[in-house]
């Protein structure tokens, strides 16, 4: 099953990033798009209904993954491979620097959303 993360700007739900068979996908939530006060999470990812797709980790999200000594710490303590970009994003970006956070979406939530 593909891993997914719920993306938040401050405390507001923005959308979902997913690991797909072809790479990665990010889609803004429709409610977020319909809110006139909503802002894009990045200049390179303006608000739009279509999802953002990439064969590698989407650059904006790759940029918030820790590097250097913190990445080394993850590899040693949590046994996370530095090439597992989605794993690193879900493990370390719950509370990262800046206004964006990514919270792993549990399997039950994914199943409920797919059923709708």
PDB file of N, CA and C in Angstrom:
ATOM      1  N   UNK A   1       0.834  -1.187   0.000  1.00  0.00           N
ATOM      2  CA  UNK A   1       0.000   0.000   0.000  1.00  0.00           C
ATOM      3  C   UNK A   1       0.873   1.243   0.000  1.00  0.00           C
ATOM      4  N   UNK A   2       0.462   2.223  -0.758  1.00  0.00           N
ATOM      5  CA  UNK A   2       1.208   3.470  -0.859  1.00  0.00           C
ATOM      6  C   UNK A   2       1.110   4.265   0.441  1.00  0.00           C
ATOM      7  N   UNK A   3       2.196   4.923   0.784  1.00  0.00           N
ATOM      8  CA  UNK A   3       2.198   5.785   1.969  1.00  0.00           C
ATOM      9  C   UNK A   3       1.681   7.158   1.575  1.00  0.00           C
ATOM     10  N   UNK A   4       1.002   7.786   2.525  1.00  0.00           N
ATOM     11  CA  UNK A   4       0.421   9.107   2.288  1.00  0.00           C
ATOM     12  C   UNK A   4       0.647   9.988   3.505  1.00  0.00           C
ATOM     13  N   UNK A   5       0.742  11.286   3.258  1.00  0.00           N
ATOM     14  CA  UNK A   5       0.884  12.241   4.331  1.00  0.00           C
ATOM     15  C   UNK A   5      -0.089  13.391   4.151  1.00  0.00           C
ATOM     16  N   UNK A   6      -0.702  13.802   5.255  1.00  0.00           N
ATOM     17  CA  UNK A   6      -1.594  14.966   5.252  1.00  0.00           C
ATOM     18  C   UNK A   6      -0.727  16.199   5.457  1.00  0.00           C
ATOM     19  N   UNK A   7      -0.861  17.152   4.577  1.00  0.00           N
ATOM     20  CA  UNK A   7      -0.029  18.356   4.604  1.00  0.00           C
ATOM     21  C   UNK A   7      -0.829  19.495   5.234  1.00  0.00           C
ATOM     22  N   UNK A   8      -0.166  20.189   6.169  1.00  0.00           N
ATOM     23  CA  UNK A   8      -0.798  21.315   6.868  1.00  0.00           C
ATOM     24  C   UNK A   8       0.034  22.573   6.690  1.00  0.00           C
ATOM     25  N   UNK A   9      -0.648  23.708   6.543  1.00  0.00           N
ATOM     26  CA  UNK A   9      -0.009  25.023   6.589  1.00  0.00           C
ATOM     27  C   UNK A   9      -0.463  25.621   7.911  1.00  0.00           C
ATOM     28  N   UNK A  10       0.485  25.792   8.830  1.00  0.00           N
ATOM     29  CA  UNK A  10       0.171  26.137  10.220  1.00  0.00           C
ATOM     30  C   UNK A  10      -0.752  25.043  10.747  1.00  0.00           C
ATOM     31  N   UNK A  11      -2.003  25.350  11.073  1.00  0.00           N
ATOM     32  CA  UNK A  11      -2.904  24.298  11.564  1.00  0.00           C
ATOM     33  C   UNK A  11      -4.016  23.968  10.567  1.00  0.00           C
ATOM     34  N   UNK A  12      -3.869  24.446   9.338  1.00  0.00           N
ATOM     35  CA  UNK A  12      -4.908  24.272   8.327  1.00  0.00           C
ATOM     36  C   UNK A  12      -4.537  23.159   7.345  1.00  0.00           C
ATOM     37  N   UNK A  13      -5.449  22.206   7.155  1.00  0.00           N
ATOM     38  CA  UNK A  13      -5.226  21.104   6.221  1.00  0.00           C
ATOM     39  C   UNK A  13      -5.173  21.638   4.799  1.00  0.00           C
ATOM     40  N   UNK A  14      -4.109  21.297   4.084  1.00  0.00           N
ATOM     41  CA  UNK A  14      -3.861  21.818   2.742  1.00  0.00           C
ATOM     42  C   UNK A  14      -4.120  20.776   1.659  1.00  0.00           C
ATOM     43  N   UNK A  15      -3.659  19.550   1.894  1.00  0.00           N
ATOM     44  CA  UNK A  15      -3.795  18.511   0.878  1.00  0.00           C
ATOM     45  C   UNK A  15      -3.049  17.261   1.283  1.00  0.00           C
ATOM     46  N   UNK A  16      -2.834  16.375   0.309  1.00  0.00           N
ATOM     47  CA  UNK A  16      -2.218  15.081   0.584  1.00  0.00           C
ATOM     48  C   UNK A  16      -1.060  14.829  -0.381  1.00  0.00           C
ATOM     49  N   UNK A  17       0.063  14.383   0.179  1.00  0.00           N
ATOM     50  CA  UNK A  17       1.179  13.911  -0.621  1.00  0.00           C
ATOM     51  C   UNK A  17       1.154  12.391  -0.556  1.00  0.00           C
ATOM     52  N   UNK A  18       1.332  11.749  -1.708  1.00  0.00           N
ATOM     53  CA  UNK A  18       1.248  10.295  -1.794  1.00  0.00           C
ATOM     54  C   UNK A  18       2.454   9.730  -2.524  1.00  0.00           C
ATOM     55  N   UNK A  19       2.823   8.539  -2.113  1.00  0.00           N
ATOM     56  CA  UNK A  19       3.814   7.755  -2.834  1.00  0.00           C
ATOM     57  C   UNK A  19       3.005   6.888  -3.798  1.00  0.00           C
ATOM     58  N   UNK A  20       3.316   6.961  -5.091  1.00  0.00           N
ATOM     59  CA  UNK A  20       2.562   6.226  -6.101  1.00  0.00           C
ATOM     60  C   UNK A  20       3.471   5.209  -6.787  1.00  0.00           C
ATOM     61  N   UNK A  21       2.898   4.408  -7.657  1.00  0.00           N
ATOM     62  CA  UNK A  21       3.692   3.447  -8.422  1.00  0.00           C
ATOM     63  C   UNK A  21       4.716   4.156  -9.305  1.00  0.00           C
ATOM     64  N   UNK A  22       4.371   5.371  -9.745  1.00  0.00           N
ATOM     65  CA  UNK A  22       5.234   6.117 -10.655  1.00  0.00           C
ATOM     66  C   UNK A  22       6.119   7.144  -9.963  1.00  0.00           C
ATOM     67  N   UNK A  23       5.984   7.297  -8.654  1.00  0.00           N
ATOM     68  CA  UNK A  23       6.781   8.289  -7.935  1.00  0.00           C
ATOM     69  C   UNK A  23       5.988   8.909  -6.809  1.00  0.00           C
ATOM     70  N   UNK A  24       5.676  10.216  -6.962  1.00  0.00           N
ATOM     71  CA  UNK A  24       5.017  10.971  -5.905  1.00  0.00           C
ATOM     72  C   UNK A  24       3.961  11.894  -6.495  1.00  0.00           C
ATOM     73  N   UNK A  25       2.976  12.210  -5.670  1.00  0.00           N
ATOM     74  CA  UNK A  25       1.878  13.072  -6.095  1.00  0.00           C
ATOM     75  C   UNK A  25       1.461  13.951  -4.920  1.00  0.00           C
ATOM     76  N   UNK A  26       1.160  15.211  -5.202  1.00  0.00           N
ATOM     77  CA  UNK A  26       0.584  16.103  -4.196  1.00  0.00           C
ATOM     78  C   UNK A  26      -0.647  16.739  -4.793  1.00  0.00           C
ATOM     79  N   UNK A  27      -1.737  16.741  -4.015  1.00  0.00           N
ATOM     80  CA  UNK A  27      -2.973  17.370  -4.471  1.00  0.00           C
ATOM     81  C   UNK A  27      -3.526  18.248  -3.365  1.00  0.00           C
ATOM     82  N   UNK A  28      -3.820  19.503  -3.742  1.00  0.00           N
ATOM     83  CA  UNK A  28      -4.481  20.410  -2.805  1.00  0.00           C
ATOM     84  C   UNK A  28      -5.895  19.906  -2.524  1.00  0.00           C
ATOM     85  N   UNK A  29      -6.332  20.048  -1.282  1.00  0.00           N
ATOM     86  CA  UNK A  29      -7.683  19.688  -0.884  1.00  0.00           C
ATOM     87  C   UNK A  29      -8.675  20.678  -1.493  1.00  0.00           C
ATOM     88  N   UNK A  30      -9.823  20.183  -1.950  1.00  0.00           N
ATOM     89  CA  UNK A  30     -10.837  21.049  -2.569  1.00  0.00           C
ATOM     90  C   UNK A  30     -11.318  22.142  -1.625  1.00  0.00           C
ATOM     91  N   UNK A  31     -11.513  21.816  -0.344  1.00  0.00           N
ATOM     92  CA  UNK A  31     -11.954  22.834   0.621  1.00  0.00           C
ATOM     93  C   UNK A  31     -10.905  23.932   0.764  1.00  0.00           C
ATOM     94  N   UNK A  32      -9.646  23.555   0.739  1.00  0.00           N
ATOM     95  CA  UNK A  32      -8.564  24.538   0.831  1.00  0.00           C
ATOM     96  C   UNK A  32      -8.571  25.430  -0.410  1.00  0.00           C
ATOM     97  N   UNK A  33      -8.758  24.815  -1.571  1.00  0.00           N
ATOM     98  CA  UNK A  33      -8.795  25.590  -2.818  1.00  0.00           C
ATOM     99  C   UNK A  33      -9.966  26.566  -2.852  1.00  0.00           C
ATOM    100  N   UNK A  34     -11.081  26.187  -2.256  1.00  0.00           N
ATOM    101  CA  UNK A  34     -12.281  27.031  -2.273  1.00  0.00           C
ATOM    102  C   UNK A  34     -12.253  28.152  -1.246  1.00  0.00           C
ATOM    103  N   UNK A  35     -11.310  28.131  -0.334  1.00  0.00           N
ATOM    104  CA  UNK A  35     -11.184  29.166   0.688  1.00  0.00           C
ATOM    105  C   UNK A  35     -10.423  30.357   0.094  1.00  0.00           C
ATOM    106  N   UNK A  36     -11.041  31.517   0.071  1.00  0.00           N
ATOM    107  CA  UNK A  36     -10.394  32.684  -0.552  1.00  0.00           C
ATOM    108  C   UNK A  36      -9.155  33.154   0.202  1.00  0.00           C
ATOM    109  N   UNK A  37      -8.997  32.722   1.435  1.00  0.00           N
ATOM    110  CA  UNK A  37      -7.836  33.107   2.231  1.00  0.00           C
ATOM    111  C   UNK A  37      -6.662  32.138   2.099  1.00  0.00           C
ATOM    112  N   UNK A  38      -6.823  31.104   1.290  1.00  0.00           N
ATOM    113  CA  UNK A  38      -5.767  30.106   1.137  1.00  0.00           C
ATOM    114  C   UNK A  38      -4.617  30.637   0.295  1.00  0.00           C
ATOM    115  N   UNK A  39      -3.421  30.183   0.663  1.00  0.00           N
ATOM    116  CA  UNK A  39      -2.208  30.531  -0.081  1.00  0.00           C
ATOM    117  C   UNK A  39      -1.538  29.257  -0.550  1.00  0.00           C
ATOM    118  N   UNK A  40      -0.791  29.365  -1.627  1.00  0.00           N
ATOM    119  CA  UNK A  40       0.002  28.234  -2.103  1.00  0.00           C
ATOM    120  C   UNK A  40       1.072  27.922  -1.058  1.00  0.00           C
ATOM    121  N   UNK A  41       1.450  26.648  -0.939  1.00  0.00           N
ATOM    122  CA  UNK A  41       2.482  26.288   0.022  1.00  0.00           C
ATOM    123  C   UNK A  41       3.863  26.659  -0.486  1.00  0.00           C
ATOM    124  N   UNK A  42       3.956  26.940  -1.785  1.00  0.00           N
ATOM    125  CA  UNK A  42       5.236  27.302  -2.388  1.00  0.00           C
ATOM    126  C   UNK A  42       4.976  28.061  -3.685  1.00  0.00           C
ATOM    127  N   UNK A  43       5.891  28.932  -4.047  1.00  0.00           N
ATOM    128  CA  UNK A  43       5.769  29.649  -5.324  1.00  0.00           C
ATOM    129  C   UNK A  43       5.808  28.680  -6.495  1.00  0.00           C
ATOM    130  N   UNK A  44       6.505  27.567  -6.337  1.00  0.00           N
ATOM    131  CA  UNK A  44       6.610  26.603  -7.444  1.00  0.00           C
ATOM    132  C   UNK A  44       5.423  25.637  -7.480  1.00  0.00           C
ATOM    133  N   UNK A  45       4.504  25.792  -6.516  1.00  0.00           N
ATOM    134  CA  UNK A  45       3.313  24.951  -6.484  1.00  0.00           C
ATOM    135  C   UNK A  45       2.068  25.806  -6.265  1.00  0.00           C
ATOM    136  N   UNK A  46       1.720  26.625  -7.267  1.00  0.00           N
ATOM    137  CA  UNK A  46       0.545  27.485  -7.101  1.00  0.00           C
ATOM    138  C   UNK A  46      -0.728  26.658  -6.904  1.00  0.00           C
ATOM    139  N   UNK A  47      -1.727  27.293  -6.328  1.00  0.00           N
ATOM    140  CA  UNK A  47      -3.008  26.627  -6.105  1.00  0.00           C
ATOM    141  C   UNK A  47      -3.588  26.185  -7.438  1.00  0.00           C
ATOM    142  N   UNK A  48      -4.018  24.910  -7.504  1.00  0.00           N
ATOM    143  CA  UNK A  48      -4.684  24.379  -8.697  1.00  0.00           C
ATOM    144  C   UNK A  48      -5.367  23.064  -8.336  1.00  0.00           C
ATOM    145  N   UNK A  49      -6.368  22.701  -9.118  1.00  0.00           N
ATOM    146  CA  UNK A  49      -7.116  21.467  -8.869  1.00  0.00           C
ATOM    147  C   UNK A  49      -6.309  20.229  -9.243  1.00  0.00           C
ATOM    148  N   UNK A  50      -5.508  20.325 -10.293  1.00  0.00           N
ATOM    149  CA  UNK A  50      -4.731  19.184 -10.758  1.00  0.00           C
ATOM    150  C   UNK A  50      -3.638  18.847  -9.760  1.00  0.00           C
ATOM    151  N   UNK A  51      -3.306  17.575  -9.687  1.00  0.00           N
ATOM    152  CA  UNK A  51      -2.244  17.170  -8.759  1.00  0.00           C
ATOM    153  C   UNK A  51      -0.880  17.442  -9.375  1.00  0.00           C
ATOM    154  N   UNK A  52       0.100  17.576  -8.519  1.00  0.00           N
ATOM    155  CA  UNK A  52       1.500  17.701  -8.919  1.00  0.00           C
ATOM    156  C   UNK A  52       2.091  16.298  -8.898  1.00  0.00           C
ATOM    157  N   UNK A  53       2.716  15.892  -9.981  1.00  0.00           N
ATOM    158  CA  UNK A  53       3.268  14.543 -10.103  1.00  0.00           C
ATOM    159  C   UNK A  53       4.764  14.641 -10.367  1.00  0.00           C
ATOM    160  N   UNK A  54       5.524  13.672  -9.837  1.00  0.00           N
ATOM    161  CA  UNK A  54       6.965  13.639 -10.072  1.00  0.00           C
ATOM    162  C   UNK A  54       7.467  12.211  -9.897  1.00  0.00           C
ATOM    163  N   UNK A  55       8.442  11.824 -10.701  1.00  0.00           N
ATOM    164  CA  UNK A  55       9.019  10.485 -10.562  1.00  0.00           C
ATOM    165  C   UNK A  55       9.957  10.423  -9.358  1.00  0.00           C
ATOM    166  N   UNK A  56      10.424  11.574  -8.897  1.00  0.00           N
ATOM    167  CA  UNK A  56      11.234  11.664  -7.685  1.00  0.00           C
ATOM    168  C   UNK A  56      10.454  12.513  -6.686  1.00  0.00           C
ATOM    169  N   UNK A  57      10.940  12.589  -5.455  1.00  0.00           N
ATOM    170  CA  UNK A  57      10.231  13.384  -4.450  1.00  0.00           C
ATOM    171  C   UNK A  57      10.031  14.801  -4.989  1.00  0.00           C
ATOM    172  N   UNK A  58       8.842  15.320  -4.847  1.00  0.00           N
ATOM    173  CA  UNK A  58       8.509  16.672  -5.304  1.00  0.00           C
ATOM    174  C   UNK A  58       9.489  17.641  -4.637  1.00  0.00           C
ATOM    175  N   UNK A  59      10.170  18.481  -5.429  1.00  0.00           N
ATOM    176  CA  UNK A  59      11.258  19.316  -4.894  1.00  0.00           C
ATOM    177  C   UNK A  59      10.927  20.111  -3.638  1.00  0.00           C
ATOM    178  N   UNK A  60       9.734  20.690  -3.556  1.00  0.00           N
ATOM    179  CA  UNK A  60       9.389  21.451  -2.359  1.00  0.00           C
ATOM    180  C   UNK A  60       9.473  20.570  -1.113  1.00  0.00           C
ATOM    181  N   UNK A  61       8.900  19.383  -1.184  1.00  0.00           N
ATOM    182  CA  UNK A  61       8.893  18.476  -0.037  1.00  0.00           C
ATOM    183  C   UNK A  61      10.279  17.906   0.232  1.00  0.00           C
ATOM    184  N   UNK A  62      11.037  17.657  -0.817  1.00  0.00           N
ATOM    185  CA  UNK A  62      12.401  17.175  -0.638  1.00  0.00           C
ATOM    186  C   UNK A  62      13.233  18.217   0.114  1.00  0.00           C
ATOM    187  N   UNK A  63      12.911  19.480  -0.104  1.00  0.00           N
ATOM    188  CA  UNK A  63      13.640  20.566   0.547  1.00  0.00           C
ATOM    189  C   UNK A  63      13.396  20.699   2.037  1.00  0.00           C
ATOM    190  N   UNK A  64      12.308  20.123   2.551  1.00  0.00           N
ATOM    191  CA  UNK A  64      12.059  20.230   3.990  1.00  0.00           C
ATOM    192  C   UNK A  64      12.540  18.993   4.748  1.00  0.00           C
ATOM    193  N   UNK A  65      13.055  18.000   4.034  1.00  0.00           N
ATOM    194  CA  UNK A  65      13.615  16.812   4.668  1.00  0.00           C
ATOM    195  C   UNK A  65      14.982  17.173   5.243  1.00  0.00           C
ATOM    196  N   UNK A  66      15.279  16.737   6.460  1.00  0.00           N
ATOM    197  CA  UNK A  66      16.576  17.061   7.081  1.00  0.00           C
ATOM    198  C   UNK A  66      17.765  16.584   6.252  1.00  0.00           C
ATOM    199  N   UNK A  67      18.869  17.265   6.453  1.00  0.00           N
ATOM    200  CA  UNK A  67      20.126  16.921   5.784  1.00  0.00           C
ATOM    201  C   UNK A  67      21.229  16.855   6.828  1.00  0.00           C
ATOM    202  N   UNK A  68      22.401  16.482   6.391  1.00  0.00           N
ATOM    203  CA  UNK A  68      23.586  16.532   7.236  1.00  0.00           C
ATOM    204  C   UNK A  68      23.497  15.670   8.467  1.00  0.00           C
ATOM    205  N   UNK A  69      23.879  16.255   9.622  1.00  0.00           N
ATOM    206  CA  UNK A  69      23.956  15.490  10.861  1.00  0.00           C
ATOM    207  C   UNK A  69      22.609  14.927  11.288  1.00  0.00           C
ATOM    208  N   UNK A  70      21.515  15.653  10.996  1.00  0.00           N
ATOM    209  CA  UNK A  70      20.198  15.159  11.391  1.00  0.00           C
ATOM    210  C   UNK A  70      19.800  13.947  10.540  1.00  0.00           C
ATOM    211  N   UNK A  71      20.144  13.975   9.277  1.00  0.00           N
ATOM    212  CA  UNK A  71      19.903  12.826   8.410  1.00  0.00           C
ATOM    213  C   UNK A  71      20.738  11.633   8.883  1.00  0.00           C
ATOM    214  N   UNK A  72      21.988  11.884   9.237  1.00  0.00           N
ATOM    215  CA  UNK A  72      22.846  10.817   9.767  1.00  0.00           C
ATOM    216  C   UNK A  72      22.242  10.212  11.031  1.00  0.00           C
ATOM    217  N   UNK A  73      21.713  11.070  11.887  1.00  0.00           N
ATOM    218  CA  UNK A  73      21.074  10.621  13.116  1.00  0.00           C
ATOM    219  C   UNK A  73      19.884   9.710  12.806  1.00  0.00           C
ATOM    220  N   UNK A  74      19.092  10.079  11.804  1.00  0.00           N
ATOM    221  CA  UNK A  74      17.929   9.272  11.410  1.00  0.00           C
ATOM    222  C   UNK A  74      18.361   7.900  10.941  1.00  0.00           C
ATOM    223  N   UNK A  75      19.405   7.875  10.154  1.00  0.00           N
ATOM    224  CA  UNK A  75      19.883   6.602   9.635  1.00  0.00           C
ATOM    225  C   UNK A  75      20.365   5.697  10.757  1.00  0.00           C
ATOM    226  N   UNK A  76      21.052   6.266  11.719  1.00  0.00           N
ATOM    227  CA  UNK A  76      21.575   5.463  12.833  1.00  0.00           C
ATOM    228  C   UNK A  76      20.490   5.022  13.811  1.00  0.00           C
ATOM    229  N   UNK A  77      19.671   5.965  14.251  1.00  0.00           N
ATOM    230  CA  UNK A  77      18.704   5.686  15.320  1.00  0.00           C
ATOM    231  C   UNK A  77      17.395   5.066  14.838  1.00  0.00           C
ATOM    232  N   UNK A  78      16.895   5.483  13.699  1.00  0.00           N
ATOM    233  CA  UNK A  78      15.615   4.988  13.226  1.00  0.00           C
ATOM    234  C   UNK A  78      15.761   4.010  12.065  1.00  0.00           C
ATOM    235  N   UNK A  79      16.977   3.769  11.639  1.00  0.00           N
ATOM    236  CA  UNK A  79      17.260   2.821  10.560  1.00  0.00           C
ATOM    237  C   UNK A  79      16.488   3.168   9.286  1.00  0.00           C
ATOM    238  N   UNK A  80      16.431   4.459   8.976  1.00  0.00           N
ATOM    239  CA  UNK A  80      15.757   4.923   7.769  1.00  0.00           C
ATOM    240  C   UNK A  80      16.810   5.149   6.700  1.00  0.00           C
ATOM    241  N   UNK A  81      16.594   4.583   5.543  1.00  0.00           N
ATOM    242  CA  UNK A  81      17.507   4.739   4.422  1.00  0.00           C
ATOM    243  C   UNK A  81      17.387   6.169   3.882  1.00  0.00           C
ATOM    244  N   UNK A  82      18.503   6.810   3.620  1.00  0.00           N
ATOM    245  CA  UNK A  82      18.479   8.196   3.118  1.00  0.00           C
ATOM    246  C   UNK A  82      17.822   8.288   1.746  1.00  0.00           C
ATOM    247  N   UNK A  83      17.681   7.182   1.057  1.00  0.00           N
ATOM    248  CA  UNK A  83      17.008   7.174  -0.258  1.00  0.00           C
ATOM    249  C   UNK A  83      15.499   7.044  -0.118  1.00  0.00           C
ATOM    250  N   UNK A  84      15.011   6.712   1.087  1.00  0.00           N
ATOM    251  CA  UNK A  84      13.575   6.593   1.338  1.00  0.00           C
ATOM    252  C   UNK A  84      13.026   7.977   1.681  1.00  0.00           C
ATOM    253  N   UNK A  85      12.823   8.765   0.652  1.00  0.00           N
ATOM    254  CA  UNK A  85      12.444  10.168   0.852  1.00  0.00           C
ATOM    255  C   UNK A  85      11.064  10.287   1.514  1.00  0.00           C
ATOM    256  N   UNK A  86      10.131   9.427   1.152  1.00  0.00           N
ATOM    257  CA  UNK A  86       8.804   9.491   1.770  1.00  0.00           C
ATOM    258  C   UNK A  86       8.896   9.108   3.243  1.00  0.00           C
ATOM    259  N   UNK A  87       9.674   8.093   3.563  1.00  0.00           N
ATOM    260  CA  UNK A  87       9.864   7.688   4.945  1.00  0.00           C
ATOM    261  C   UNK A  87      10.452   8.811   5.777  1.00  0.00           C
ATOM    262  N   UNK A  88      11.452   9.488   5.231  1.00  0.00           N
ATOM    263  CA  UNK A  88      12.068  10.612   5.938  1.00  0.00           C
ATOM    264  C   UNK A  88      11.083  11.764   6.112  1.00  0.00           C
ATOM    265  N   UNK A  89      10.321  12.054   5.074  1.00  0.00           N
ATOM    266  CA  UNK A  89       9.329  13.132   5.135  1.00  0.00           C
ATOM    267  C   UNK A  89       8.305  12.844   6.232  1.00  0.00           C
ATOM    268  N   UNK A  90       7.799  11.624   6.273  1.00  0.00           N
ATOM    269  CA  UNK A  90       6.774  11.272   7.256  1.00  0.00           C
ATOM    270  C   UNK A  90       7.334  11.189   8.671  1.00  0.00           C
ATOM    271  N   UNK A  91       8.587  10.806   8.797  1.00  0.00           N
ATOM    272  CA  UNK A  91       9.198  10.670  10.116  1.00  0.00           C
ATOM    273  C   UNK A  91       9.603  12.011  10.718  1.00  0.00           C
ATOM    274  N   UNK A  92      10.177  12.892   9.902  1.00  0.00           N
ATOM    275  CA  UNK A  92      10.783  14.115  10.436  1.00  0.00           C
ATOM    276  C   UNK A  92      10.008  15.400  10.197  1.00  0.00           C
ATOM    277  N   UNK A  93       8.988  15.384   9.370  1.00  0.00           N
ATOM    278  CA  UNK A  93       8.348  16.656   9.010  1.00  0.00           C
ATOM    279  C   UNK A  93       6.999  16.878   9.687  1.00  0.00           C
ATOM    280  N   UNK A  94       6.779  16.188  10.802  1.00  0.00           N
ATOM    281  CA  UNK A  94       5.580  16.445  11.596  1.00  0.00           C
ATOM    282  C   UNK A  94       5.665  17.825  12.228  1.00  0.00           C
ATOM    283  N   UNK A  95       6.871  18.222  12.567  1.00  0.00           N
ATOM    284  CA  UNK A  95       7.099  19.501  13.224  1.00  0.00           C
ATOM    285  C   UNK A  95       8.434  20.044  12.731  1.00  0.00           C
ATOM    286  N   UNK A  96       8.432  20.536  11.505  1.00  0.00           N
ATOM    287  CA  UNK A  96       9.698  21.025  10.956  1.00  0.00           C
ATOM    288  C   UNK A  96       9.725  22.548  10.969  1.00  0.00           C
ATOM    289  N   UNK A  97      10.862  23.090  10.623  1.00  0.00           N
ATOM    290  CA  UNK A  97      11.023  24.543  10.587  1.00  0.00           C
ATOM    291  C   UNK A  97      10.094  25.109   9.522  1.00  0.00           C
ATOM    292  N   UNK A  98       9.425  26.188   9.858  1.00  0.00           N
ATOM    293  CA  UNK A  98       8.514  26.815   8.911  1.00  0.00           C
ATOM    294  C   UNK A  98       7.064  26.474   9.222  1.00  0.00           C
ATOM    295  N   UNK A  99       6.179  26.820   8.307  1.00  0.00           N
ATOM    296  CA  UNK A  99       4.747  26.690   8.547  1.00  0.00           C
ATOM    297  C   UNK A  99       4.163  25.369   8.062  1.00  0.00           C
ATOM    298  N   UNK A 100       4.930  24.574   7.329  1.00  0.00           N
ATOM    299  CA  UNK A 100       4.422  23.334   6.750  1.00  0.00           C
ATOM    300  C   UNK A 100       4.733  22.149   7.654  1.00  0.00           C
ATOM    301  N   UNK A 101       3.764  21.269   7.804  1.00  0.00           N
ATOM    302  CA  UNK A 101       3.985  20.004   8.495  1.00  0.00           C
ATOM    303  C   UNK A 101       3.316  18.896   7.685  1.00  0.00           C
ATOM    304  N   UNK A 102       3.860  17.686   7.829  1.00  0.00           N
ATOM    305  CA  UNK A 102       3.338  16.529   7.116  1.00  0.00           C
ATOM    306  C   UNK A 102       3.115  15.426   8.148  1.00  0.00           C
ATOM    307  N   UNK A 103       1.876  14.986   8.261  1.00  0.00           N
ATOM    308  CA  UNK A 103       1.497  13.963   9.233  1.00  0.00           C
ATOM    309  C   UNK A 103       1.096  12.707   8.466  1.00  0.00           C
ATOM    310  N   UNK A 104       1.708  11.591   8.838  1.00  0.00           N
ATOM    311  CA  UNK A 104       1.395  10.341   8.144  1.00  0.00           C
ATOM    312  C   UNK A 104      -0.086  10.027   8.257  1.00  0.00           C
ATOM    313  N   UNK A 105      -0.674   9.686   7.126  1.00  0.00           N
ATOM    314  CA  UNK A 105      -2.083   9.310   7.101  1.00  0.00           C
ATOM    315  C   UNK A 105      -2.150   7.818   7.380  1.00  0.00           C
ATOM    316  N   UNK A 106      -2.909   7.441   8.376  1.00  0.00           N
ATOM    317  CA  UNK A 106      -3.018   6.043   8.768  1.00  0.00           C
ATOM    318  C   UNK A 106      -3.834   5.273   7.738  1.00  0.00           C
ATOM    319  N   UNK A 107      -3.624   3.981   7.655  1.00  0.00           N
ATOM    320  CA  UNK A 107      -4.284   3.114   6.680  1.00  0.00           C
ATOM    321  C   UNK A 107      -5.802   3.243   6.751  1.00  0.00           C
ATOM    322  N   UNK A 108      -6.376   3.320   7.963  1.00  0.00           N
ATOM    323  CA  UNK A 108      -7.827   3.418   8.104  1.00  0.00           C
ATOM    324  C   UNK A 108      -8.348   4.683   7.443  1.00  0.00           C
ATOM    325  N   UNK A 109      -7.633   5.815   7.633  1.00  0.00           N
ATOM    326  CA  UNK A 109      -8.040   7.078   7.033  1.00  0.00           C
ATOM    327  C   UNK A 109      -7.981   6.974   5.527  1.00  0.00           C
ATOM    328  N   UNK A 110      -6.932   6.368   4.986  1.00  0.00           N
ATOM    329  CA  UNK A 110      -6.771   6.215   3.539  1.00  0.00           C
ATOM    330  C   UNK A 110      -7.918   5.396   2.968  1.00  0.00           C
ATOM    331  N   UNK A 111      -8.248   4.286   3.630  1.00  0.00           N
ATOM    332  CA  UNK A 111      -9.321   3.420   3.158  1.00  0.00           C
ATOM    333  C   UNK A 111     -10.661   4.140   3.159  1.00  0.00           C
ATOM    334  N   UNK A 112     -10.933   4.944   4.214  1.00  0.00           N
ATOM    335  CA  UNK A 112     -12.177   5.686   4.291  1.00  0.00           C
ATOM    336  C   UNK A 112     -12.268   6.714   3.180  1.00  0.00           C
ATOM    337  N   UNK A 113     -11.176   7.437   2.907  1.00  0.00           N
ATOM    338  CA  UNK A 113     -11.160   8.458   1.872  1.00  0.00           C
ATOM    339  C   UNK A 113     -11.348   7.856   0.488  1.00  0.00           C
ATOM    340  N   UNK A 114     -10.743   6.684   0.239  1.00  0.00           N
ATOM    341  CA  UNK A 114     -10.863   6.045  -1.058  1.00  0.00           C
ATOM    342  C   UNK A 114     -12.282   5.531  -1.281  1.00  0.00           C
ATOM    343  N   UNK A 115     -12.979   5.170  -0.210  1.00  0.00           N
ATOM    344  CA  UNK A 115     -14.335   4.654  -0.322  1.00  0.00           C
ATOM    345  C   UNK A 115     -15.341   5.743  -0.670  1.00  0.00           C
ATOM    346  N   UNK A 116     -15.015   7.014  -0.379  1.00  0.00           N
ATOM    347  CA  UNK A 116     -15.943   8.130  -0.632  1.00  0.00           C
ATOM    348  C   UNK A 116     -16.085   8.443  -2.091  1.00  0.00           C
TER     349      UNK A 116
END
